[in-house]
């Protein structure tokens, strides 16, 4: 059996899970922003792991590969090697909540495993 290398769309910012919430009366709107991606290169029997992570102090993306750390961008985190996505919850203000309602979110692509 081979590892699946298929690109799958996922949002980098503003992941909205409201349609999956049972309590429809809730007026709060939390969205989720991507803050890290673990990548796997190789096959099912082994390989190499790297990561992208956003620094909360400077809001820049960084790429981690063994002892090497380099600057990166949000667009670079989208690769076929994406394996684990880490999101952080963000509360929207009332005005952002009403603006966010009914609108789609921007998305990027990554790979599902």
Foldseek 3Di string as FASTA:
>chain_A
DWDDQDKAKDAQPFAWPLVVDPPVPDLWTKGKHWFKFWFFDDIPVDGAIKMWGADPVVRWIWIGGPPDIDTDHPQVRADSRTEDIDIDIDTDDNVVSVVPPPDDGDIDIHHYD
